[in-house]
Amino acid sequence: MPGIFLWILLVACPSVGDDHQGRFLRRKMAVTGMTIGMEDFGLAISQLKAFWEVQRWVAREKERMQVSRDSAGQEHDAIK
């Protein structure tokens, strides 16, 4: 359960600001990560690594979609 909670916090934290709610979520994320790390350090590292890989995959797909959208727009402009 703490691992699922950590993933939820990792997804939620980048979208919050520097207000009270943002600080609260970042603090909960840090405490959850430390708790998992104290219990099983290898598990904590593997969870964070897996989350990083998912973020990289999302970024690559976003970039790929942007490139394909741009190339489709250029083809559309060339037809006009």
Protein backbone atom coordinates (compact mmCIF):
# COMPACT_ATOMS: atom_id res chain seq x y z
CA MET A 1 0.00 0.00 0.00
CA PRO A 2 2.72 2.57 0.74
CA GLY A 3 4.14 1.96 -2.75
CA ILE A 4 0.82 2.81 -4.40
CA PHE A 5 0.50 5.89 -2.18
CA LEU A 6 4.03 6.95 -3.20
CA TRP A 7 3.18 6.67 -6.91
CA ILE A 8 0.04 8.75 -6.40
CA LEU A 9 2.05 11.42 -4.59
CA LEU A 10 4.77 11.35 -7.27
CA VAL A 11 2.11 12.01 -9.91
CA ALA A 12 0.36 14.72 -7.87
CA CYS A 13 3.36 16.69 -6.59
CA PRO A 14 4.64 18.30 -9.82
CA SER A 15 1.27 19.94 -10.41
CA VAL A 16 1.00 21.66 -7.02
CA GLY A 17 2.41 25.07 -6.27
CA ASP A 18 4.40 26.42 -3.36
CA ASP A 19 1.34 26.96 -1.19
CA HIS A 20 0.37 25.08 1.97
CA GLN A 21 -1.14 22.16 0.05
CA GLY A 22 1.98 21.76 -2.10
CA ARG A 23 4.30 21.70 0.87
CA PHE A 24 2.00 19.19 2.60
CA LEU A 25 2.04 16.82 -0.40
CA ARG A 26 5.81 17.08 -0.86
CA ARG A 27 6.35 16.35 2.83
CA LYS A 28 4.03 13.32 2.66
CA MET A 29 5.92 12.10 -0.42
CA ALA A 30 9.25 12.40 1.36
CA VAL A 31 7.99 10.62 4.48
CA THR A 32 6.45 7.82 2.42
CA GLY A 33 9.65 7.35 0.41
CA MET A 34 11.75 7.30 3.56
CA THR A 35 9.41 4.82 5.24
CA ILE A 36 9.57 2.43 2.29
CA GLY A 37 13.35 2.91 2.14
CA MET A 38 13.78 2.06 5.81
CA GLU A 39 11.72 -1.10 5.41
CA ASP A 40 13.21 -2.30 2.12
CA PHE A 41 15.74 0.00 0.42
CA GLY A 42 15.87 -2.09 -2.76
CA LEU A 43 12.11 -1.84 -3.13
CA ALA A 44 12.17 1.94 -2.71
CA ILE A 45 14.88 2.30 -5.35
CA SER A 46 13.06 0.01 -7.78
CA GLN A 47 9.81 1.95 -7.32
CA LEU A 48 11.50 5.28 -7.94
CA LYS A 49 13.37 3.88 -10.94
CA ALA A 50 10.15 2.45 -12.39
CA PHE A 51 8.40 5.80 -11.91
CA TRP A 52 11.29 7.57 -13.64
CA GLU A 53 11.05 5.15 -16.58
CA VAL A 54 7.32 5.80 -16.90
CA GLN A 55 7.97 9.56 -16.89
CA ARG A 56 10.59 9.17 -19.63
CA TRP A 57 8.18 7.03 -21.68
CA VAL A 58 5.44 9.67 -21.36
CA ALA A 59 7.88 12.42 -22.38
CA ARG A 60 9.04 10.44 -25.44
CA GLU A 61 5.46 9.73 -26.51
CA LYS A 62 4.52 13.38 -26.07
CA GLU A 63 7.50 14.40 -28.21
CA ARG A 64 6.65 11.76 -30.83
CA MET A 65 3.04 12.97 -30.99
CA GLN A 66 4.20 16.59 -31.34
CA VAL A 67 6.56 15.67 -34.19
CA SER A 68 3.85 13.71 -36.01
CA ARG A 69 1.38 16.56 -35.49
CA ASP A 70 3.91 19.07 -36.82
CA SER A 71 4.71 16.93 -39.87
CA ALA A 72 1.00 16.45 -40.59
CA GLY A 73 0.52 20.21 -40.38
CA GLN A 74 3.39 20.80 -42.81
CA GLU A 75 1.90 18.29 -45.26
CA HIS A 76 -1.47 20.02 -44.93
CA ASP A 77 0.15 23.41 -45.59
CA ALA A 78 1.99 22.01 -48.64
CA ILE A 79 -1.31 20.80 -50.15
CA LYS A 80 -2.83 24.30 -49.90
